[in-house]
């Protein structure tokens, strides 16, 4: 029972560590996505309504309109109210339960701009905004179309179309321009082919690091006989003290031979920024390929996501970050963005449209075999549902390439404590969990990102196979292992045992082999053991002569023979001769 509890504890520990690692990876991806264009959902008062904004057509005073704007901003439904007021100004009542934005796009639902005040009051009332001060004594609305227009203008903001990219964004833009060249020249305008070429170029750049890692693995492989000799020396001893001793001797061996276990992490640390850079570029090509400022990218994403009734494109986006979906849908469906000039969310829509002039000609082709890989997998449309195959392919690719890659890489030895059912179970679980979590992340990124991960994993196996053939791992015979053991035994022969005499001894620690039991004795125990050994050892020439007493009362009792008279006579005889 106690052993099962230990195995369970080890298993849970490894599973938790694996989950933490994957959570860190998910956090990196989430933080990466946060840098891309984001839909603007906050509502602020871009302008304070004053008398200079009013005309004779206004029915409310500037103070009343300003107070109403403050109530809207303070409401938890501020973004919804803003959208519905913009739609009301265009003559659509989005507060109705049966409202369908698709009918607006198709022209089935007619606009009623003249009813804008009544629609606006209905919107305010349904969203919990008091409307009675804006009606006269007869109950008729005092609010006019001009008042609704003043409210809408109050929430407008200006987009900085001339903003300069920061240092990191500028570096990403330079990489994005190189990525665009790969798309247009060797990729013939295909975003997918450009991604493939980018992955190949990255692997070529990482070849020196791969060679360094392979040399480092060969150096570790050459130490295997001596490492095996150290482990065999303590074979069968699974106590913590022994395992710590084994680990220390192996680390000393590594340090002496100039091998660093941490050197294998160098390629990962260098390639991780490139992975993040590519993610930025893929998720927001409007910023990092076309070069639009981040504020303009976010404004354009808001315009694409806004309902058609409010003047937007009415796109159902699978993700609120990045412009890749918007650009892919615009290219695929031939959507015009001219409405951006009159989009009422922003005061300078015309400048925004001018800044994006020529954008349509730079949008790459995101299709592969008829599938739009610029979309995020989902269930809300047929085009997204088909892309659900991408997480499945990602799982298969990561699981398969991981299994193959282990055959072409050096696998470090495991200690005796690791060679147990818990270790095997946790390794198998991690082999499944890592591909599973990669497939899970693929659900929340554009399918083009998932395709890049798949292709990069395949390229990694190809590169490792080439390095494996060019720089094969050393092989050893049984004689090599025996020679290493003889060498280790020769070094340890007559080596004094070094131990801190003040170190406490654990009475429960006992190895299956007793060659080093002295390592765990206290000074008092050592003295007692030596004293007992002296008592048990009697030299033959010091054994006293004994005889059996004839006394009946002492039958069976041995007594020492008294030879004192004989020695006295011998002494007297010698004196007389002298």
Protein backbone atom coordinates (compact mmCIF):
# COMPACT_ATOMS: atom_id res chain seq x y z
CA UNK A 1 0.00 0.00 0.00
CA UNK A 2 2.83 2.37 0.91
CA UNK A 3 4.59 1.72 -2.41
CA UNK A 4 1.37 2.31 -4.34
CA UNK A 5 0.94 5.63 -2.58
CA UNK A 6 4.48 6.63 -3.57
CA UNK A 7 3.86 5.67 -7.18
CA UNK A 8 0.62 7.64 -7.20
CA UNK A 9 2.35 10.66 -5.71
CA UNK A 10 5.10 10.54 -8.36
CA UNK A 11 2.53 10.18 -11.11
CA UNK A 12 0.47 13.13 -9.90
CA UNK A 13 3.59 15.26 -9.53
CA UNK A 14 4.68 14.63 -13.11
CA UNK A 15 1.19 15.21 -14.47
CA UNK A 16 0.92 18.54 -12.61
CA UNK A 17 4.33 19.63 -13.91
CA UNK A 18 3.28 18.75 -17.44
CA UNK A 19 0.07 20.72 -17.08
CA UNK A 20 1.96 23.72 -15.75
CA UNK A 21 4.31 23.56 -18.74
CA UNK A 22 1.41 23.45 -21.14
CA UNK A 23 -0.36 26.27 -19.29
CA UNK A 24 2.77 28.39 -19.75
CA UNK A 25 2.73 27.61 -23.45
CA UNK A 26 -0.94 28.60 -23.64
CA UNK A 27 -0.14 31.81 -21.78
CA UNK A 28 2.55 32.64 -24.33
CA UNK A 29 0.11 32.11 -27.19
CA UNK A 30 -2.55 34.16 -25.44
CA UNK A 31 -0.16 37.03 -24.81
CA UNK A 32 0.94 36.82 -28.43
CA UNK A 33 -2.62 37.09 -29.64
CA UNK A 34 -3.27 40.07 -27.39
CA UNK A 35 -0.79 42.14 -29.41
CA UNK A 36 -2.81 41.79 -32.60
CA UNK A 37 -5.71 43.97 -33.66
CA UNK A 38 -8.50 43.76 -31.10
CA UNK A 39 -12.17 44.66 -31.44
CA UNK A 40 -12.84 47.94 -29.63
CA UNK A 41 -15.56 47.28 -27.04
CA UNK A 42 -15.03 50.16 -24.62
CA UNK A 43 -17.30 53.20 -24.92
CA UNK A 44 -16.08 56.62 -23.88
CA UNK A 45 -17.20 60.19 -24.49
CA UNK A 46 -15.01 61.41 -27.27
CA UNK A 47 -16.61 64.85 -27.01
CA UNK A 48 -18.47 66.74 -24.31
CA UNK A 49 -21.74 67.92 -25.76
CA UNK A 50 -21.86 71.69 -25.76
CA UNK A 51 -24.09 74.38 -27.21
CA UNK A 52 -21.82 74.59 -30.25
CA UNK A 53 -22.88 71.05 -31.21
CA UNK A 54 -26.61 71.86 -31.13
CA UNK A 55 -28.81 73.24 -33.87
CA UNK A 56 -32.39 74.46 -34.04
CA UNK A 57 -33.42 70.89 -34.83
CA UNK A 58 -32.35 69.64 -31.40
CA UNK A 59 -35.18 69.06 -28.92
CA UNK A 60 -32.93 68.52 -25.87
CA UNK A 61 -30.52 70.91 -24.26
CA UNK A 62 -26.78 70.34 -24.15
CA UNK A 63 -26.97 69.59 -20.42
CA UNK A 64 -29.68 66.96 -20.95
CA UNK A 65 -27.73 65.27 -23.75
CA UNK A 66 -24.52 65.32 -21.73
CA UNK A 67 -26.27 63.78 -18.72
CA UNK A 68 -27.81 61.10 -20.95
CA UNK A 69 -24.37 60.32 -22.42
CA UNK A 70 -22.95 59.93 -18.90
CA UNK A 71 -25.70 57.44 -18.00
CA UNK A 72 -24.97 55.42 -21.13
CA UNK A 73 -21.22 55.28 -20.42
CA UNK A 74 -21.90 54.17 -16.85
CA UNK A 75 -24.26 51.41 -18.00
CA UNK A 76 -23.01 47.81 -18.18
CA UNK A 77 -24.54 47.62 -21.66
CA UNK A 78 -22.71 50.70 -22.96
CA UNK A 79 -21.27 48.96 -26.05
CA UNK A 80 -24.67 47.50 -26.98
CA UNK A 81 -26.42 50.86 -26.50
CA UNK A 82 -23.83 52.62 -28.65
CA UNK A 83 -24.29 50.07 -31.46
CA UNK A 84 -28.09 50.22 -31.28
CA UNK A 85 -28.11 54.04 -31.26
CA UNK A 86 -25.96 54.04 -34.41
CA UNK A 87 -28.41 51.58 -35.99
CA UNK A 88 -31.34 53.75 -34.81
CA UNK A 89 -29.84 56.77 -36.58
CA UNK A 90 -29.76 54.65 -39.74
CA UNK A 91 -33.43 53.68 -39.19
CA UNK A 92 -33.10 50.12 -37.72
CA UNK A 93 -34.39 48.98 -34.34
CA UNK A 94 -31.92 46.35 -33.09
CA UNK A 95 -33.65 46.18 -29.71
CA UNK A 96 -36.50 44.14 -31.22
CA UNK A 97 -36.47 40.47 -30.27
CA UNK A 98 -37.01 39.33 -33.87
CA UNK A 99 -34.41 41.61 -35.42
CA UNK A 100 -32.25 39.84 -38.02
CA UNK A 101 -29.16 41.61 -39.34
CA UNK A 102 -29.04 39.25 -42.33
CA UNK A 103 -32.30 40.81 -43.59
CA UNK A 104 -30.64 44.21 -43.53
CA UNK A 105 -27.76 42.89 -45.63
CA UNK A 106 -30.12 41.29 -48.12
CA UNK A 107 -32.37 44.38 -48.28
CA UNK A 108 -35.46 42.59 -46.94
CA UNK A 109 -35.68 44.96 -43.97
CA UNK A 110 -36.37 48.57 -44.94
CA UNK A 111 -34.77 51.44 -43.07
CA UNK A 112 -36.85 54.09 -41.27
CA UNK A 113 -34.51 57.04 -40.56
CA UNK A 114 -37.47 59.29 -39.74
CA UNK A 115 -38.29 57.02 -36.77
CA UNK A 116 -34.84 57.44 -35.26
CA UNK A 117 -36.05 59.34 -32.10
CA UNK A 118 -38.72 56.75 -31.27
CA UNK A 119 -36.28 53.87 -31.94
CA UNK A 120 -33.63 55.56 -29.77
CA UNK A 121 -36.04 55.99 -26.85
CA UNK A 122 -37.06 52.35 -27.18
CA UNK A 123 -33.38 51.32 -27.08
CA UNK A 124 -32.71 53.44 -23.99
CA UNK A 125 -35.75 52.13 -22.15
CA UNK A 126 -34.99 48.46 -22.85
CA UNK A 127 -31.43 48.92 -21.62
CA UNK A 128 -32.50 50.51 -18.31
CA UNK A 129 -31.90 54.19 -19.14
CA UNK A 130 -34.59 56.55 -17.79
CA UNK A 131 -36.43 58.18 -20.70
CA UNK A 132 -39.30 60.14 -19.08
CA UNK A 133 -37.41 63.51 -19.04
CA UNK A 134 -37.20 63.27 -22.82
CA UNK A 135 -40.94 63.27 -23.41
CA UNK A 136 -43.42 66.13 -23.20
CA UNK A 137 -46.54 66.20 -21.04
CA UNK A 138 -48.50 64.44 -23.74
CA UNK A 139 -46.02 61.54 -23.74
CA UNK A 140 -44.65 62.40 -27.13
CA UNK A 141 -40.86 62.24 -27.48
CA UNK A 142 -39.07 65.53 -27.31
CA UNK A 143 -35.91 63.91 -28.72
CA UNK A 144 -35.29 64.59 -32.39
CA UNK A 145 -33.10 63.05 -35.08
CA UNK A 146 -30.56 65.78 -34.34
CA UNK A 147 -30.43 64.66 -30.69
CA UNK A 148 -29.72 61.06 -31.70
CA UNK A 149 -27.03 62.28 -34.05
CA UNK A 150 -25.49 64.38 -31.26
CA UNK A 151 -25.38 61.33 -28.97
CA UNK A 152 -23.72 59.21 -31.64
CA UNK A 153 -21.12 61.90 -32.33
CA UNK A 154 -20.49 62.19 -28.59
CA UNK A 155 -19.14 58.61 -28.55
CA UNK A 156 -16.98 58.94 -31.66
CA UNK A 157 -13.19 58.65 -31.34
CA UNK A 158 -10.32 59.60 -33.63
CA UNK A 159 -7.99 56.94 -35.03
CA UNK A 160 -4.32 57.89 -35.22
CA UNK A 161 -3.57 56.83 -38.78
CA UNK A 162 -0.09 58.42 -38.71
CA UNK A 163 1.14 56.59 -35.61
CA UNK A 164 4.66 55.18 -35.88
CA UNK A 165 5.38 51.55 -35.12
CA UNK A 166 7.36 50.81 -31.98
CA UNK A 167 10.72 49.05 -32.03
CA UNK A 168 9.31 45.53 -31.60
CA UNK A 169 6.50 46.17 -34.07
CA UNK A 170 8.97 47.61 -36.56
CA UNK A 171 11.16 44.50 -36.32
CA UNK A 172 8.08 42.35 -36.81
CA UNK A 173 7.12 44.48 -39.82
CA UNK A 174 10.56 43.90 -41.39
CA UNK A 175 10.17 40.15 -40.87
CA UNK A 176 6.64 40.47 -42.24
CA UNK A 177 7.96 42.12 -45.40
CA UNK A 178 10.30 39.18 -45.89
CA UNK A 179 7.36 36.86 -45.29
CA UNK A 180 5.36 38.79 -47.88
CA UNK A 181 8.19 38.31 -50.40
CA UNK A 182 8.05 34.54 -49.77
CA UNK A 183 4.30 34.68 -50.35
CA UNK A 184 4.40 36.68 -53.57
CA UNK A 185 7.55 35.44 -55.32
CA UNK A 186 8.19 31.74 -54.64
CA UNK A 187 4.69 31.25 -53.21
CA UNK A 188 2.86 32.85 -56.17
CA UNK A 189 0.59 34.82 -53.84
CA UNK A 190 -0.33 31.84 -51.63
CA UNK A 191 -0.18 32.53 -47.91
CA UNK A 192 0.10 28.79 -47.22
CA UNK A 193 3.11 28.30 -49.52
CA UNK A 194 4.71 31.38 -47.98
CA UNK A 195 4.24 29.81 -44.53
CA UNK A 196 5.87 26.59 -45.73
CA UNK A 197 8.86 28.49 -47.16
CA UNK A 198 9.14 30.47 -43.93
CA UNK A 199 9.31 27.22 -41.93
CA UNK A 200 11.99 25.83 -44.28
CA UNK A 201 14.03 29.04 -44.05
CA UNK A 202 13.80 28.95 -40.26
CA UNK A 203 15.01 25.33 -40.12
CA UNK A 204 17.94 26.19 -42.41
CA UNK A 205 18.92 29.07 -40.15
CA UNK A 206 18.74 26.74 -37.15
CA UNK A 207 21.09 24.12 -38.69
CA UNK A 208 24.18 25.41 -36.80
CA UNK A 209 22.26 25.08 -33.55
CA UNK A 210 21.15 21.60 -34.58
CA UNK A 211 24.76 20.60 -35.23
CA UNK A 212 25.78 21.99 -31.84
CA UNK A 213 23.00 20.03 -30.14
CA UNK A 214 23.96 16.83 -31.99
CA UNK A 215 27.60 17.22 -30.92
CA UNK A 216 26.47 17.74 -27.36
CA UNK A 217 24.33 14.59 -27.54
CA UNK A 218 27.29 12.62 -28.94
CA UNK A 219 29.42 13.85 -26.07
CA UNK A 220 26.84 12.57 -23.61
CA UNK A 221 26.52 9.28 -25.48
CA UNK A 222 30.29 8.69 -25.22
CA UNK A 223 29.97 8.90 -21.43
CA UNK A 224 27.36 6.14 -21.27
CA UNK A 225 29.76 3.25 -20.34
CA UNK A 226 31.18 5.17 -17.39
CA UNK A 227 27.72 6.38 -16.39
CA UNK A 228 26.49 2.79 -16.58
CA UNK A 229 29.40 1.68 -14.42
CA UNK A 230 28.44 4.22 -11.75
CA UNK A 231 24.83 3.08 -11.78
CA UNK A 232 25.77 -0.61 -11.65
CA UNK A 233 27.96 0.08 -8.67
CA UNK A 234 24.86 1.02 -6.70
CA UNK A 235 22.47 -1.33 -8.45
CA UNK A 236 19.57 -2.44 -6.29
CA UNK A 237 19.91 0.44 -3.86
CA UNK A 238 16.90 2.73 -4.14
CA UNK A 239 17.17 4.78 -0.94
CA UNK A 240 17.32 8.53 -1.27
CA UNK A 241 20.86 8.92 0.04
CA UNK A 242 22.23 6.44 -2.49
CA UNK A 243 20.35 8.04 -5.38
CA UNK A 244 21.73 11.44 -4.41
CA UNK A 245 25.22 9.96 -4.37
CA UNK A 246 24.68 8.46 -7.84
CA UNK A 247 23.45 11.79 -9.21
CA UNK A 248 26.42 13.64 -7.75
CA UNK A 249 28.97 11.22 -9.22
CA UNK A 250 27.31 11.46 -12.65
CA UNK A 251 27.22 15.27 -12.50
CA UNK A 252 30.91 15.27 -11.51
CA UNK A 253 31.61 13.05 -14.52
CA UNK A 254 29.73 15.45 -16.81
CA UNK A 255 31.60 18.46 -15.42
CA UNK A 256 34.98 16.74 -15.79
CA UNK A 257 34.31 15.83 -19.44
CA UNK A 258 32.90 19.28 -20.32
CA UNK A 259 29.34 18.16 -20.99
CA UNK A 260 26.45 20.47 -20.04
CA UNK A 261 22.93 18.99 -19.86
CA UNK A 262 21.50 22.51 -20.28
CA UNK A 263 23.10 22.93 -23.72
CA UNK A 264 20.18 21.01 -25.26
CA UNK A 265 17.81 23.83 -24.28
CA UNK A 266 19.65 26.41 -26.38
CA UNK A 267 17.87 25.68 -29.70
CA UNK A 268 14.48 25.85 -28.00
CA UNK A 269 15.28 29.20 -26.38
CA UNK A 270 16.40 30.65 -29.72
CA UNK A 271 13.54 29.26 -31.84
CA UNK A 272 10.83 30.33 -29.37
CA UNK A 273 11.06 34.04 -30.33
CA UNK A 274 10.76 33.13 -34.01
CA UNK A 275 7.67 31.08 -33.20
CA UNK A 276 6.18 34.09 -31.41
CA UNK A 277 7.15 36.43 -34.25
CA UNK A 278 5.49 34.22 -36.84
CA UNK A 279 2.37 34.01 -34.70
CA UNK A 280 2.17 37.81 -34.55
CA UNK A 281 2.59 38.09 -38.30
CA UNK A 282 0.05 35.38 -39.10
CA UNK A 283 -2.59 36.61 -36.66
CA UNK A 284 -2.40 40.27 -37.75
CA UNK A 285 -1.07 40.62 -41.32
CA UNK A 286 -2.72 44.06 -41.64
CA UNK A 287 -0.23 45.41 -39.09
CA UNK A 288 2.90 43.34 -39.65
CA UNK A 289 2.74 42.74 -43.42
CA UNK A 290 0.80 45.70 -44.80
CA UNK A 291 2.17 48.03 -42.09
CA UNK A 292 -0.98 49.64 -40.68
CA UNK A 293 -0.64 51.11 -37.15
CA UNK A 294 -2.10 48.97 -34.39
CA UNK A 295 -4.85 51.53 -33.70
CA UNK A 296 -5.95 51.47 -37.33
CA UNK A 297 -5.85 47.67 -37.30
CA UNK A 298 -8.13 47.57 -34.24
CA UNK A 299 -10.50 50.15 -35.77
CA UNK A 300 -10.75 48.14 -38.98
CA UNK A 301 -11.45 44.98 -37.01
CA UNK A 302 -14.24 46.79 -35.13
CA UNK A 303 -15.71 47.96 -38.45
CA UNK A 304 -15.68 44.40 -39.80
CA UNK A 305 -17.34 42.96 -36.68
CA UNK A 306 -20.05 45.64 -36.35
CA UNK A 307 -23.58 44.72 -37.59
CA UNK A 308 -24.64 45.79 -41.06
CA UNK A 309 -27.46 47.80 -39.46
CA UNK A 310 -24.82 49.90 -37.68
CA UNK A 311 -22.78 50.40 -40.85
CA UNK A 312 -20.26 47.58 -40.34
CA UNK A 313 -19.47 44.51 -42.41
CA UNK A 314 -21.38 42.17 -40.11
CA UNK A 315 -18.73 39.43 -40.14
CA UNK A 316 -19.13 36.56 -37.67
CA UNK A 317 -15.53 36.28 -36.47
CA UNK A 318 -14.32 33.17 -34.69
CA UNK A 319 -11.71 35.19 -32.77
CA UNK A 320 -11.72 38.76 -31.48
CA UNK A 321 -7.96 39.11 -32.09
CA UNK A 322 -6.07 39.58 -35.31
CA UNK A 323 -7.11 40.65 -38.78
CA UNK A 324 -6.33 37.43 -40.66
CA UNK A 325 -9.96 36.28 -40.64
CA UNK A 326 -11.23 39.64 -41.88
CA UNK A 327 -8.71 39.79 -44.71
CA UNK A 328 -9.36 36.20 -45.75
CA UNK A 329 -13.14 36.79 -45.86
CA UNK A 330 -12.72 40.07 -47.77
CA UNK A 331 -10.59 38.37 -50.42
CA UNK A 332 -12.72 35.23 -50.61
CA UNK A 333 -16.06 37.06 -50.91
CA UNK A 334 -14.89 40.22 -52.69
CA UNK A 335 -16.28 42.49 -49.96
CA UNK A 336 -15.93 46.26 -50.37
CA UNK A 337 -14.63 48.33 -47.45
CA UNK A 338 -15.82 51.70 -48.77
CA UNK A 339 -18.36 51.91 -45.92
CA UNK A 340 -15.46 52.51 -43.53
CA UNK A 341 -15.52 56.18 -44.55
CA UNK A 342 -19.03 56.68 -43.08
CA UNK A 343 -18.66 54.31 -40.12
CA UNK A 344 -20.15 56.29 -37.21
CA UNK A 345 -17.92 54.77 -34.50
CA UNK A 346 -15.00 56.94 -35.62
CA UNK A 347 -14.86 60.63 -36.45
CA UNK A 348 -12.19 60.27 -39.16
CA UNK A 349 -13.45 57.26 -41.09
CA UNK A 350 -12.44 58.84 -44.40
CA UNK A 351 -8.82 59.19 -43.28
CA UNK A 352 -8.85 55.56 -42.14
CA UNK A 353 -10.09 54.43 -45.55
CA UNK A 354 -7.45 56.48 -47.33
CA UNK A 355 -4.74 54.97 -45.12
CA UNK A 356 -5.90 51.51 -46.21
CA UNK A 357 -5.93 52.37 -49.90
CA UNK A 358 -4.23 49.62 -51.88
CA UNK A 359 -4.75 47.13 -49.06
CA UNK A 360 -7.00 44.91 -51.16
CA UNK A 361 -4.21 44.32 -53.67
CA UNK A 362 -1.84 43.09 -50.94
CA UNK A 363 -4.17 40.56 -49.33
CA UNK A 364 -2.70 37.07 -49.97
CA UNK A 365 -4.63 33.93 -50.84
CA UNK A 366 -5.43 31.94 -47.69
CA UNK A 367 -7.10 29.00 -49.48
CA UNK A 368 -5.74 25.46 -49.70
CA UNK A 369 -7.71 22.88 -51.68
CA UNK A 370 -10.79 25.08 -51.38
CA UNK A 371 -10.45 25.56 -47.59
CA UNK A 372 -10.02 29.05 -46.18
CA UNK A 373 -7.21 28.50 -43.64
CA UNK A 374 -7.45 32.09 -42.50
CA UNK A 375 -10.52 31.15 -40.43
CA UNK A 376 -10.60 29.71 -36.94
CA UNK A 377 -12.18 26.23 -36.55
CA UNK A 378 -15.69 26.27 -35.12
CA UNK A 379 -19.27 25.06 -35.43
CA UNK A 380 -21.04 28.27 -36.47
CA UNK A 381 -20.57 27.71 -40.20
CA UNK A 382 -19.76 24.95 -42.64
CA UNK A 383 -16.46 26.58 -43.63
CA UNK A 384 -15.32 26.61 -40.00
CA UNK A 385 -16.65 23.13 -39.22
CA UNK A 386 -14.50 21.59 -41.96
CA UNK A 387 -11.43 23.16 -40.36
CA UNK A 388 -12.01 21.07 -37.22
CA UNK A 389 -9.91 18.44 -38.98
CA UNK A 390 -6.87 20.64 -38.31
CA UNK A 391 -6.66 19.86 -34.55
CA UNK A 392 -6.92 16.15 -35.41
CA UNK A 393 -4.08 16.43 -37.91
CA UNK A 394 -2.05 18.43 -35.39
CA UNK A 395 -2.43 15.68 -32.78
CA UNK A 396 -1.43 12.95 -35.25
CA UNK A 397 1.56 14.94 -36.51
CA UNK A 398 2.91 15.78 -33.05
CA UNK A 399 2.38 12.28 -31.70
CA UNK A 400 3.90 10.57 -34.75
CA UNK A 401 6.87 12.89 -35.20
CA UNK A 402 7.63 12.76 -31.49
CA UNK A 403 7.74 8.98 -31.58
CA UNK A 404 9.96 8.94 -34.67
CA UNK A 405 12.21 11.70 -33.40
CA UNK A 406 13.07 9.72 -30.26
CA UNK A 407 14.62 7.03 -32.47
CA UNK A 408 17.06 9.53 -33.98
CA UNK A 409 18.05 11.28 -30.77
CA UNK A 410 20.10 10.16 -27.80
CA UNK A 411 17.92 9.07 -24.90
CA UNK A 412 19.53 9.69 -21.50
CA UNK A 413 19.62 6.83 -19.02
CA UNK A 414 17.14 6.65 -16.20
CA UNK A 415 18.03 6.12 -12.59
CA UNK A 416 16.80 3.13 -10.64
CA UNK A 417 14.20 5.29 -8.93
CA UNK A 418 12.83 6.32 -12.30
CA UNK A 419 12.53 2.78 -13.62
CA UNK A 420 9.17 2.11 -12.01
CA UNK A 421 5.55 1.91 -13.15
CA UNK A 422 4.89 5.53 -12.19
CA UNK A 423 7.70 6.75 -14.47
CA UNK A 424 6.49 4.64 -17.37
CA UNK A 425 2.92 5.72 -16.89
CA UNK A 426 3.83 9.40 -16.64
CA UNK A 427 6.01 9.22 -19.76
CA UNK A 428 3.20 7.63 -21.72
CA UNK A 429 0.78 10.23 -20.44
CA UNK A 430 3.10 13.09 -21.43
CA UNK A 431 3.54 11.54 -24.88
CA UNK A 432 -0.24 11.80 -25.29
CA UNK A 433 -0.82 15.01 -23.35
CA UNK A 434 1.58 17.24 -25.29
CA UNK A 435 0.03 16.46 -28.70
CA UNK A 436 -3.44 16.71 -27.16
CA UNK A 437 -2.79 20.18 -25.74
CA UNK A 438 -1.25 21.31 -29.05
CA UNK A 439 -4.43 20.17 -30.79
CA UNK A 440 -6.46 22.06 -28.17
CA UNK A 441 -4.58 25.31 -28.88
CA UNK A 442 -5.24 24.80 -32.60
CA UNK A 443 -8.95 25.23 -31.91
CA UNK A 444 -8.40 28.88 -30.98
CA UNK A 445 -5.98 30.05 -33.67
CA UNK A 446 -6.40 30.38 -37.44
CA UNK A 447 -5.99 27.10 -39.27
CA UNK A 448 -2.91 28.50 -41.03
CA UNK A 449 -1.10 28.52 -37.67
CA UNK A 450 -2.00 24.87 -37.10
CA UNK A 451 -0.73 24.00 -40.57
CA UNK A 452 2.56 25.74 -39.78
CA UNK A 453 2.94 23.69 -36.58
CA UNK A 454 2.29 20.48 -38.49
CA UNK A 455 4.77 21.24 -41.24
CA UNK A 456 7.42 22.45 -38.78
CA UNK A 457 7.19 19.21 -36.78
CA UNK A 458 7.70 17.20 -39.97
CA UNK A 459 10.67 19.35 -40.97
CA UNK A 460 12.13 18.81 -37.50
CA UNK A 461 12.12 15.05 -38.00
CA UNK A 462 13.73 15.37 -41.44
CA UNK A 463 16.48 17.62 -40.06
CA UNK A 464 17.11 15.29 -37.11
CA UNK A 465 17.35 12.28 -39.45
CA UNK A 466 19.95 14.06 -41.60
CA UNK A 467 22.00 14.99 -38.52
CA UNK A 468 21.65 11.44 -37.22
CA UNK A 469 23.09 10.04 -40.46
CA UNK A 470 25.83 12.66 -40.74
CA UNK A 471 26.84 12.46 -37.06
CA UNK A 472 25.76 9.00 -35.79
CA UNK A 473 25.74 8.15 -32.12
CA UNK A 474 28.60 5.93 -30.85
CA UNK A 475 27.87 2.28 -30.12
CA UNK A 476 29.49 0.18 -27.40
CA UNK A 477 30.08 -3.54 -26.87
CA UNK A 478 29.78 -5.49 -23.66
CA UNK A 479 33.57 -5.31 -23.29
CA UNK A 480 33.40 -1.50 -23.32
CA UNK A 481 30.99 -1.52 -20.40
CA UNK A 482 33.15 -4.01 -18.47
CA UNK A 483 36.26 -1.93 -19.13
CA UNK A 484 34.50 1.13 -17.73
CA UNK A 485 33.56 -0.83 -14.60
CA UNK A 486 37.15 -2.02 -14.15
CA UNK A 487 38.39 1.53 -14.56
CA UNK A 488 35.94 2.78 -11.94
CA UNK A 489 36.90 -0.01 -9.50
CA UNK A 490 40.59 0.77 -10.04
CA UNK A 491 40.08 4.40 -9.15
CA UNK A 492 38.07 3.55 -6.03
CA UNK A 493 40.54 0.92 -4.71
CA UNK A 494 42.04 1.85 -1.31
CA UNK A 495 40.13 5.12 -1.43
CA UNK A 496 39.44 6.32 2.14
CA UNK A 497 35.87 6.82 3.15
CA UNK A 498 35.09 10.48 3.70
CA UNK A 499 32.19 11.29 5.90
CA UNK A 500 31.21 14.13 8.16
CA UNK A 501 31.31 12.68 11.71
CA UNK A 502 28.75 15.24 12.87
CA UNK A 503 26.21 14.31 10.19
CA UNK A 504 23.07 12.68 11.65
CA UNK A 505 22.39 9.09 10.71
CA UNK A 506 19.04 7.88 9.47
CA UNK A 507 18.42 4.52 11.23
CA UNK A 508 15.97 3.48 8.49
CA UNK A 509 18.51 3.80 5.67
CA UNK A 510 20.04 0.46 4.78
CA UNK A 511 21.17 -0.61 1.35
CA UNK A 512 20.83 -4.10 -0.01
CA UNK A 513 24.65 -4.23 -0.33
CA UNK A 514 26.69 -3.54 2.82
CA UNK A 515 29.98 -2.45 1.32
CA UNK A 516 29.31 1.15 2.32
CA UNK A 517 27.38 0.68 5.56
CA UNK A 518 30.13 2.55 7.39
CA UNK A 519 28.96 5.67 5.57
CA UNK A 520 25.84 5.73 7.73
CA UNK A 521 27.44 4.94 11.20
CA UNK A 522 27.75 7.47 13.95
CA UNK A 523 31.10 7.64 15.87
CA UNK A 524 29.58 5.88 18.91
CA UNK A 525 28.22 3.04 16.80
CA UNK A 526 31.58 2.59 15.10
CA UNK A 527 33.41 2.34 18.44
CA UNK A 528 30.86 -0.21 19.71
CA UNK A 529 31.22 -2.32 16.56
CA UNK A 530 35.03 -2.35 16.81
CA UNK A 531 34.91 -3.23 20.51
CA UNK A 532 32.61 -6.17 19.81
CA UNK A 533 34.93 -7.36 17.08
CA UNK A 534 37.91 -7.29 19.50
CA UNK A 535 36.00 -9.29 22.11
CA UNK A 536 35.17 -11.98 19.57
CA UNK A 537 38.78 -12.34 18.39
CA UNK A 538 41.24 -14.19 20.63
CA UNK A 539 44.77 -15.05 19.53
CA UNK A 540 45.72 -18.77 19.84
CA UNK A 541 48.96 -18.17 21.77
CA UNK A 542 47.06 -16.21 24.39
CA UNK A 543 44.53 -19.02 25.07
CA UNK A 544 44.85 -20.09 28.80
CA UNK A 545 45.36 -23.76 29.71
CA UNK A 546 42.40 -25.22 31.53
CA UNK A 547 41.66 -28.43 33.43
CA UNK A 548 38.63 -30.14 34.83
CA UNK A 549 38.16 -30.25 38.59
CA UNK A 550 37.75 -33.60 40.26
CA UNK A 551 35.56 -32.06 42.88
CA UNK A 552 32.09 -33.50 42.64
CA UNK A 553 30.52 -30.20 43.53
CA UNK A 554 32.21 -28.57 40.54
CA UNK A 555 31.55 -31.23 37.94
CA UNK A 556 31.64 -29.90 34.41
CA UNK A 557 33.28 -26.64 35.50
CA UNK A 558 36.70 -25.75 34.08
CA UNK A 559 39.23 -24.03 36.30
CA UNK A 560 42.60 -22.53 35.57
CA UNK A 561 45.58 -24.65 36.64
CA UNK A 562 47.63 -23.13 39.44
CA UNK A 563 51.28 -23.31 38.39
CA UNK A 564 52.65 -20.89 40.97
CA UNK A 565 54.59 -23.60 43.11
CA UNK A 566 56.33 -24.98 40.05
CA UNK A 567 57.47 -21.56 38.96
CA UNK A 568 58.77 -20.87 42.51
CA UNK A 569 60.84 -24.10 42.58
CA UNK A 570 62.30 -23.33 39.18
CA UNK A 571 63.39 -19.91 40.39
CA UNK A 572 65.04 -21.31 43.57
CA UNK A 573 66.96 -23.91 41.52
CA UNK A 574 68.29 -21.21 39.25
CA UNK A 575 69.41 -19.11 42.20
CA UNK A 576 71.30 -22.02 43.73
CA UNK A 577 73.15 -22.72 40.50
CA UNK A 578 74.20 -19.10 40.37
